[in-house]
Amino acid sequence: MKKLSLLFLSFIIATTAFSQIKVGLRFAPSLCINRVKDLNSNDLLSFSNNSSGVRFAFGPTVDFKLGQNFAFSTGAWYLSSRAGITITGYKEVSSLQTIQLPITFKAYTNEIATNMKIYFQLGGMANIIFNDKYVKSDPSISASSYNKKYSFFDFSIYMGTGVTYKIGNSNELFAGVYYNRGLLNLLMNKSDGLGGHYNKDAQYNMDQAGLEVGMRF
C-alpha cells in the first residue's frame, strides 16, 4: 500500500510538472435513474424502482493538460441524488448526499470553428456518500421509522462529450452531455427486519444522465 501511494504521488507530481493546469467550475443538472432488481422472490419483501428525479451537481474541476489535445481531468462535485425504491407496495424516497471524484481522460479535436473544439471524456468516478437523508414515503411510514439502507461508497463509469469555446488567452466555456453508470450495489448488508439483509434481498444501482456547463480559467 505504501509503495502504491508513493507511485500515485509520483504520477501526480510528474503530471503537474509537465502539464498545464486548468481550474474551473462545473454545474450539471442530472436525471438520477434508479435501477432496482429483486434478488429473492421467496422472501416476504418485493423491491422495485420508484421512478427517477432531476437533481443538480456542482463543484470545481481540474484539468491537467498532457498535450494539445489530451488532458487528465478530475475534480470534486457535490450531488444530492434522489434514491427512490418501492418495497412491498410502499414508496420511499431518500436523498444521498454525495461527493463525486472523477478520474477521467479527455481527448479534444482540432478546432471545428474559431476557438471551438469538441471533447470526449471517459473514465471512472468514486462516489462518497456521507449522508442518507429521509425525504418522503407513503403516509403510513413516518420519518422517525426510516431505516437507512444505502452504502457510503459507489464506483461508476463516466462518459461524456461536448464543446469548448476559448475566450481570450486562457479562459474557456464548455457545455456537454454525460452518462454516469453505477457499478456497485448501494444497499447495505443490514437487517431488513424480517430475517434477511437488504443487499441479499435486492440490488440497487444509481445512474445519472444530464447536461454540464461551466468555465475554466
C-alpha atoms as a PDB file:
ATOM      1  CA  MET A   1       0.000   0.000   0.000  1.00  0.00           C
ATOM      2  CA  LYS A   2       2.839   2.390   0.846  1.00  0.00           C
ATOM      3  CA  LYS A   3       4.552   1.690  -2.491  1.00  0.00           C
ATOM      4  CA  LEU A   4       1.259   2.225  -4.327  1.00  0.00           C
ATOM      5  CA  SER A   5       0.747   5.575  -2.568  1.00  0.00           C
ATOM      6  CA  LEU A   6       4.277   6.701  -3.469  1.00  0.00           C
ATOM      7  CA  LEU A   7       3.732   5.660  -7.085  1.00  0.00           C
ATOM      8  CA  PHE A   8       0.463   7.609  -7.262  1.00  0.00           C
ATOM      9  CA  LEU A   9       2.117  10.674  -5.685  1.00  0.00           C
ATOM     10  CA  SER A  10       4.988  10.463  -8.179  1.00  0.00           C
ATOM     11  CA  PHE A  11       2.490  10.302 -11.034  1.00  0.00           C
ATOM     12  CA  ILE A  12       0.669  13.419  -9.796  1.00  0.00           C
ATOM     13  CA  ILE A  13       3.945  15.342  -9.364  1.00  0.00           C
ATOM     14  CA  ALA A  14       5.183  14.317 -12.820  1.00  0.00           C
ATOM     15  CA  THR A  15       1.838  15.169 -14.403  1.00  0.00           C
ATOM     16  CA  THR A  16       1.803  18.583 -12.755  1.00  0.00           C
ATOM     17  CA  ALA A  17       5.372  19.339 -13.796  1.00  0.00           C
ATOM     18  CA  PHE A  18       4.814  18.563 -17.475  1.00  0.00           C
ATOM     19  CA  SER A  19       1.305  19.828 -17.954  1.00  0.00           C
ATOM     20  CA  GLN A  20      -0.743  22.979 -17.931  1.00  0.00           C
ATOM     21  CA  ILE A  21      -3.317  23.075 -15.115  1.00  0.00           C
ATOM     22  CA  LYS A  22      -6.794  24.418 -15.877  1.00  0.00           C
ATOM     23  CA  VAL A  23      -9.132  25.010 -12.941  1.00  0.00           C
ATOM     24  CA  GLY A  24     -12.820  25.591 -13.469  1.00  0.00           C
ATOM     25  CA  LEU A  25     -16.367  25.416 -12.118  1.00  0.00           C
ATOM     26  CA  ARG A  26     -18.986  22.927 -13.314  1.00  0.00           C
ATOM     27  CA  PHE A  27     -22.781  22.950 -12.964  1.00  0.00           C
ATOM     28  CA  ALA A  28     -24.723  19.865 -14.054  1.00  0.00           C
ATOM     29  CA  PRO A  29     -28.477  19.229 -13.951  1.00  0.00           C
ATOM     30  CA  SER A  30     -28.795  15.467 -13.671  1.00  0.00           C
ATOM     31  CA  LEU A  31     -31.543  12.859 -14.065  1.00  0.00           C
ATOM     32  CA  CYS A  32     -30.983  10.313 -11.268  1.00  0.00           C
ATOM     33  CA  ILE A  33     -32.018   6.914 -12.623  1.00  0.00           C
ATOM     34  CA  ASN A  34     -32.733   4.132 -10.132  1.00  0.00           C
ATOM     35  CA  ARG A  35     -32.050   0.543 -11.234  1.00  0.00           C
ATOM     36  CA  VAL A  36     -33.612  -1.956  -8.838  1.00  0.00           C
ATOM     37  CA  LYS A  37     -33.584  -5.747  -9.111  1.00  0.00           C
ATOM     38  CA  ASP A  38     -35.352  -8.088  -6.677  1.00  0.00           C
ATOM     39  CA  LEU A  39     -32.864 -10.866  -5.885  1.00  0.00           C
ATOM     40  CA  ASN A  40     -35.007 -13.086  -3.687  1.00  0.00           C
ATOM     41  CA  SER A  41     -38.543 -13.887  -4.813  1.00  0.00           C
ATOM     42  CA  ASN A  42     -39.053 -16.278  -1.884  1.00  0.00           C
ATOM     43  CA  ASP A  43     -38.789 -13.726   0.923  1.00  0.00           C
ATOM     44  CA  LEU A  44     -41.563 -11.523   2.317  1.00  0.00           C
ATOM     45  CA  LEU A  45     -40.332  -8.352   0.598  1.00  0.00           C
ATOM     46  CA  SER A  46     -40.515  -7.277  -3.016  1.00  0.00           C
ATOM     47  CA  PHE A  47     -38.319  -4.492  -4.403  1.00  0.00           C
ATOM     48  CA  SER A  48     -38.861  -2.328  -7.483  1.00  0.00           C
ATOM     49  CA  ASN A  49     -37.991   1.072  -8.904  1.00  0.00           C
ATOM     50  CA  ASN A  50     -39.708   4.227  -7.643  1.00  0.00           C
ATOM     51  CA  SER A  51     -39.315   6.486 -10.700  1.00  0.00           C
ATOM     52  CA  SER A  52     -36.465   8.966 -11.285  1.00  0.00           C
ATOM     53  CA  GLY A  53     -35.840  12.605 -10.450  1.00  0.00           C
ATOM     54  CA  VAL A  54     -33.814  15.639 -11.517  1.00  0.00           C
ATOM     55  CA  ARG A  55     -31.086  16.916  -9.189  1.00  0.00           C
ATOM     56  CA  PHE A  56     -28.039  19.192  -9.573  1.00  0.00           C
ATOM     57  CA  ALA A  57     -24.315  18.595  -9.204  1.00  0.00           C
ATOM     58  CA  PHE A  58     -21.769  21.384  -8.911  1.00  0.00           C
ATOM     59  CA  GLY A  59     -18.175  21.938  -7.923  1.00  0.00           C
ATOM     60  CA  PRO A  60     -14.618  22.592  -9.101  1.00  0.00           C
ATOM     61  CA  THR A  61     -12.884  20.786 -11.946  1.00  0.00           C
ATOM     62  CA  VAL A  62      -9.144  20.442 -12.513  1.00  0.00           C
ATOM     63  CA  ASP A  63      -7.666  19.508 -15.901  1.00  0.00           C
ATOM     64  CA  PHE A  64      -4.004  18.589 -16.334  1.00  0.00           C
ATOM     65  CA  LYS A  65      -3.250  19.137 -20.000  1.00  0.00           C
ATOM     66  CA  LEU A  66      -0.980  16.416 -21.379  1.00  0.00           C
ATOM     67  CA  GLY A  67      -0.560  17.971 -24.800  1.00  0.00           C
ATOM     68  CA  GLN A  68      -2.508  19.968 -27.304  1.00  0.00           C
ATOM     69  CA  ASN A  69      -5.418  17.539 -27.479  1.00  0.00           C
ATOM     70  CA  PHE A  70      -5.311  15.419 -24.294  1.00  0.00           C
ATOM     71  CA  ALA A  71      -5.919  16.021 -20.588  1.00  0.00           C
ATOM     72  CA  PHE A  72      -6.307  14.178 -17.296  1.00  0.00           C
ATOM     73  CA  SER A  73      -9.472  15.517 -15.663  1.00  0.00           C
ATOM     74  CA  THR A  74     -10.590  15.345 -12.042  1.00  0.00           C
ATOM     75  CA  GLY A  75     -12.477  17.461  -9.529  1.00  0.00           C
ATOM     76  CA  ALA A  76     -14.808  17.336  -6.521  1.00  0.00           C
ATOM     77  CA  TRP A  77     -18.535  17.668  -7.215  1.00  0.00           C
ATOM     78  CA  TYR A  78     -21.364  17.809  -4.697  1.00  0.00           C
ATOM     79  CA  LEU A  79     -24.557  15.962  -5.603  1.00  0.00           C
ATOM     80  CA  SER A  80     -27.739  15.413  -3.610  1.00  0.00           C
ATOM     81  CA  SER A  81     -29.001  12.420  -5.595  1.00  0.00           C
ATOM     82  CA  ARG A  82     -32.525  11.013  -5.453  1.00  0.00           C
ATOM     83  CA  ALA A  83     -32.786   7.383  -4.332  1.00  0.00           C
ATOM     84  CA  GLY A  84     -36.261   6.019  -4.989  1.00  0.00           C
ATOM     85  CA  ILE A  85     -37.331   2.478  -4.151  1.00  0.00           C
ATOM     86  CA  THR A  86     -40.627   0.632  -3.708  1.00  0.00           C
ATOM     87  CA  ILE A  87     -40.634  -2.069  -1.018  1.00  0.00           C
ATOM     88  CA  THR A  88     -43.684  -4.371  -0.902  1.00  0.00           C
ATOM     89  CA  GLY A  89     -46.073  -1.701  -2.068  1.00  0.00           C
ATOM     90  CA  TYR A  90     -44.901   1.406  -0.232  1.00  0.00           C
ATOM     91  CA  LYS A  91     -42.759   4.011  -1.932  1.00  0.00           C
ATOM     92  CA  GLU A  92     -39.722   5.533  -0.274  1.00  0.00           C
ATOM     93  CA  VAL A  93     -37.504   8.429  -1.388  1.00  0.00           C
ATOM     94  CA  SER A  94     -34.132   9.316   0.131  1.00  0.00           C
ATOM     95  CA  SER A  95     -31.546  11.973  -0.640  1.00  0.00           C
ATOM     96  CA  LEU A  96     -27.990  10.652  -0.819  1.00  0.00           C
ATOM     97  CA  GLN A  97     -25.534  13.475  -0.083  1.00  0.00           C
ATOM     98  CA  THR A  98     -22.557  12.631  -2.267  1.00  0.00           C
ATOM     99  CA  ILE A  99     -19.101  13.904  -3.164  1.00  0.00           C
ATOM    100  CA  GLN A 100     -18.097  12.755  -6.655  1.00  0.00           C
ATOM    101  CA  LEU A 101     -14.409  12.379  -7.508  1.00  0.00           C
ATOM    102  CA  PRO A 102     -13.894  11.829 -11.264  1.00  0.00           C
ATOM    103  CA  ILE A 103     -10.796  10.052 -12.569  1.00  0.00           C
ATOM    104  CA  THR A 104     -11.059  10.598 -16.312  1.00  0.00           C
ATOM    105  CA  PHE A 105      -9.217  11.433 -19.503  1.00  0.00           C
ATOM    106  CA  LYS A 106     -10.285  13.895 -22.183  1.00  0.00           C
ATOM    107  CA  ALA A 107      -9.485  13.972 -25.868  1.00  0.00           C
ATOM    108  CA  TYR A 108     -10.000  17.132 -27.934  1.00  0.00           C
ATOM    109  CA  THR A 109     -10.447  17.525 -31.654  1.00  0.00           C
ATOM    110  CA  ASN A 110      -8.759  20.255 -33.620  1.00  0.00           C
ATOM    111  CA  GLU A 111     -10.762  23.466 -33.947  1.00  0.00           C
ATOM    112  CA  ILE A 112     -14.097  22.892 -35.717  1.00  0.00           C
ATOM    113  CA  ALA A 113     -14.650  26.669 -35.765  1.00  0.00           C
ATOM    114  CA  THR A 114     -12.683  29.636 -34.480  1.00  0.00           C
ATOM    115  CA  ASN A 115     -11.718  28.914 -30.837  1.00  0.00           C
ATOM    116  CA  MET A 116     -14.124  25.948 -30.659  1.00  0.00           C
ATOM    117  CA  LYS A 117     -13.276  22.270 -30.095  1.00  0.00           C
ATOM    118  CA  ILE A 118     -15.183  19.052 -29.406  1.00  0.00           C
ATOM    119  CA  TYR A 119     -14.137  16.984 -26.370  1.00  0.00           C
ATOM    120  CA  PHE A 120     -14.715  13.358 -25.406  1.00  0.00           C
ATOM    121  CA  GLN A 121     -14.370  12.241 -21.786  1.00  0.00           C
ATOM    122  CA  LEU A 122     -14.085   8.707 -20.396  1.00  0.00           C
ATOM    123  CA  GLY A 123     -13.051   7.194 -17.077  1.00  0.00           C
ATOM    124  CA  GLY A 124     -14.263   6.243 -13.619  1.00  0.00           C
ATOM    125  CA  MET A 125     -15.735   8.063 -10.679  1.00  0.00           C
ATOM    126  CA  ALA A 126     -15.565   7.446  -6.937  1.00  0.00           C
ATOM    127  CA  ASN A 127     -18.805   8.452  -5.215  1.00  0.00           C
ATOM    128  CA  ILE A 128     -18.539   9.045  -1.463  1.00  0.00           C
ATOM    129  CA  ILE A 129     -21.987   9.077   0.180  1.00  0.00           C
ATOM    130  CA  PHE A 130     -21.692  10.883   3.522  1.00  0.00           C
ATOM    131  CA  ASN A 131     -25.384  11.099   4.425  1.00  0.00           C
ATOM    132  CA  ASP A 132     -28.518   9.054   3.726  1.00  0.00           C
ATOM    133  CA  LYS A 133     -31.316  11.551   4.353  1.00  0.00           C
ATOM    134  CA  TYR A 134     -35.021  10.735   4.564  1.00  0.00           C
ATOM    135  CA  VAL A 135     -37.174  12.744   2.128  1.00  0.00           C
ATOM    136  CA  LYS A 136     -40.615  11.168   1.993  1.00  0.00           C
ATOM    137  CA  SER A 137     -42.561   7.936   1.775  1.00  0.00           C
ATOM    138  CA  ASP A 138     -46.151   6.763   1.820  1.00  0.00           C
ATOM    139  CA  PRO A 139     -48.224   8.315   4.626  1.00  0.00           C
ATOM    140  CA  SER A 140     -48.162   5.009   6.515  1.00  0.00           C
ATOM    141  CA  ILE A 141     -44.404   5.370   7.113  1.00  0.00           C
ATOM    142  CA  SER A 142     -43.101   8.110   9.437  1.00  0.00           C
ATOM    143  CA  ALA A 143     -39.743   9.853   9.193  1.00  0.00           C
ATOM    144  CA  SER A 144     -38.787   8.548  12.623  1.00  0.00           C
ATOM    145  CA  SER A 145     -39.140   4.942  11.431  1.00  0.00           C
ATOM    146  CA  TYR A 146     -36.946   5.436   8.359  1.00  0.00           C
ATOM    147  CA  ASN A 147     -34.297   2.721   8.148  1.00  0.00           C
ATOM    148  CA  LYS A 148     -31.082   3.899   6.493  1.00  0.00           C
ATOM    149  CA  LYS A 149     -30.038   1.270   3.990  1.00  0.00           C
ATOM    150  CA  TYR A 150     -27.586   2.779   1.468  1.00  0.00           C
ATOM    151  CA  SER A 151     -23.829   2.237   1.431  1.00  0.00           C
ATOM    152  CA  PHE A 152     -21.229   5.006   1.823  1.00  0.00           C
ATOM    153  CA  PHE A 153     -19.383   4.272  -1.446  1.00  0.00           C
ATOM    154  CA  ASP A 154     -20.069   3.629  -5.105  1.00  0.00           C
ATOM    155  CA  PHE A 155     -17.849   3.420  -8.167  1.00  0.00           C
ATOM    156  CA  SER A 156     -19.159   4.299 -11.605  1.00  0.00           C
ATOM    157  CA  ILE A 157     -18.185   4.556 -15.262  1.00  0.00           C
ATOM    158  CA  TYR A 158     -18.293   8.112 -16.572  1.00  0.00           C
ATOM    159  CA  MET A 159     -18.537   9.144 -20.233  1.00  0.00           C
ATOM    160  CA  GLY A 160     -19.360  12.440 -21.856  1.00  0.00           C
ATOM    161  CA  THR A 161     -18.939  14.710 -24.840  1.00  0.00           C
ATOM    162  CA  GLY A 162     -19.341  18.395 -25.566  1.00  0.00           C
ATOM    163  CA  VAL A 163     -17.750  21.548 -26.924  1.00  0.00           C
ATOM    164  CA  THR A 164     -15.348  24.135 -25.546  1.00  0.00           C
ATOM    165  CA  TYR A 165     -15.125  27.765 -26.606  1.00  0.00           C
ATOM    166  CA  LYS A 166     -11.980  29.716 -25.819  1.00  0.00           C
ATOM    167  CA  ILE A 167     -12.347  33.280 -24.534  1.00  0.00           C
ATOM    168  CA  GLY A 168      -9.220  35.393 -24.547  1.00  0.00           C
ATOM    169  CA  ASN A 169      -5.829  33.842 -23.861  1.00  0.00           C
ATOM    170  CA  SER A 170      -6.708  31.323 -21.160  1.00  0.00           C
ATOM    171  CA  ASN A 171     -10.422  31.247 -20.282  1.00  0.00           C
ATOM    172  CA  GLU A 172     -12.885  28.869 -21.907  1.00  0.00           C
ATOM    173  CA  LEU A 173     -16.543  27.957 -21.682  1.00  0.00           C
ATOM    174  CA  PHE A 174     -17.737  24.356 -22.003  1.00  0.00           C
ATOM    175  CA  ALA A 175     -21.081  22.616 -22.437  1.00  0.00           C
ATOM    176  CA  GLY A 176     -21.884  18.965 -22.982  1.00  0.00           C
ATOM    177  CA  VAL A 177     -23.829  15.853 -22.079  1.00  0.00           C
ATOM    178  CA  TYR A 178     -22.770  12.922 -19.901  1.00  0.00           C
ATOM    179  CA  TYR A 179     -23.786   9.499 -18.601  1.00  0.00           C
ATOM    180  CA  ASN A 180     -22.608   8.056 -15.296  1.00  0.00           C
ATOM    181  CA  ARG A 181     -23.373   4.355 -14.639  1.00  0.00           C
ATOM    182  CA  GLY A 182     -23.145   2.996 -11.098  1.00  0.00           C
ATOM    183  CA  LEU A 183     -21.436  -0.372 -10.741  1.00  0.00           C
ATOM    184  CA  LEU A 184     -21.878  -1.348  -7.073  1.00  0.00           C
ATOM    185  CA  ASN A 185     -24.938  -2.478  -5.139  1.00  0.00           C
ATOM    186  CA  LEU A 186     -25.699   0.503  -2.895  1.00  0.00           C
ATOM    187  CA  LEU A 187     -27.837  -1.477  -0.463  1.00  0.00           C
ATOM    188  CA  MET A 188     -26.001  -2.313   2.759  1.00  0.00           C
ATOM    189  CA  ASN A 189     -25.537  -5.636   4.480  1.00  0.00           C
ATOM    190  CA  LYS A 190     -28.134  -4.578   7.027  1.00  0.00           C
ATOM    191  CA  SER A 191     -31.107  -6.401   8.505  1.00  0.00           C
ATOM    192  CA  ASP A 192     -34.426  -5.739   6.766  1.00  0.00           C
ATOM    193  CA  GLY A 193     -36.306  -6.593   9.952  1.00  0.00           C
ATOM    194  CA  LEU A 194     -37.737  -9.803   8.540  1.00  0.00           C
ATOM    195  CA  GLY A 195     -34.752 -12.114   8.870  1.00  0.00           C
ATOM    196  CA  GLY A 196     -32.988 -11.050   5.673  1.00  0.00           C
ATOM    197  CA  HIS A 197     -30.497  -8.392   4.600  1.00  0.00           C
ATOM    198  CA  TYR A 198     -31.071  -5.578   2.132  1.00  0.00           C
ATOM    199  CA  ASN A 199     -28.078  -6.375  -0.088  1.00  0.00           C
ATOM    200  CA  LYS A 200     -29.218 -10.003  -0.326  1.00  0.00           C
ATOM    201  CA  ASP A 201     -32.849  -9.075  -0.982  1.00  0.00           C
ATOM    202  CA  ALA A 202     -32.237  -6.641  -3.832  1.00  0.00           C
ATOM    203  CA  GLN A 203     -29.675  -4.880  -5.994  1.00  0.00           C
ATOM    204  CA  TYR A 204     -29.846  -1.107  -6.244  1.00  0.00           C
ATOM    205  CA  ASN A 205     -27.718   0.888  -8.709  1.00  0.00           C
ATOM    206  CA  MET A 206     -27.703   4.612  -9.348  1.00  0.00           C
ATOM    207  CA  ASP A 207     -27.176   6.073 -12.841  1.00  0.00           C
ATOM    208  CA  GLN A 208     -27.085   9.676 -13.978  1.00  0.00           C
ATOM    209  CA  ALA A 209     -27.695  11.298 -17.334  1.00  0.00           C
ATOM    210  CA  GLY A 210     -27.565  15.020 -17.813  1.00  0.00           C
ATOM    211  CA  LEU A 211     -26.052  18.241 -19.090  1.00  0.00           C
ATOM    212  CA  GLU A 212     -22.945  20.043 -17.918  1.00  0.00           C
ATOM    213  CA  VAL A 213     -21.928  23.668 -18.333  1.00  0.00           C
ATOM    214  CA  GLY A 214     -19.090  25.629 -16.865  1.00  0.00           C
ATOM    215  CA  MET A 215     -15.981  27.717 -17.270  1.00  0.00           C
ATOM    216  CA  ARG A 216     -12.269  27.030 -16.953  1.00  0.00           C
ATOM    217  CA  PHE A 217      -9.613  29.607 -16.122  1.00  0.00           C
END
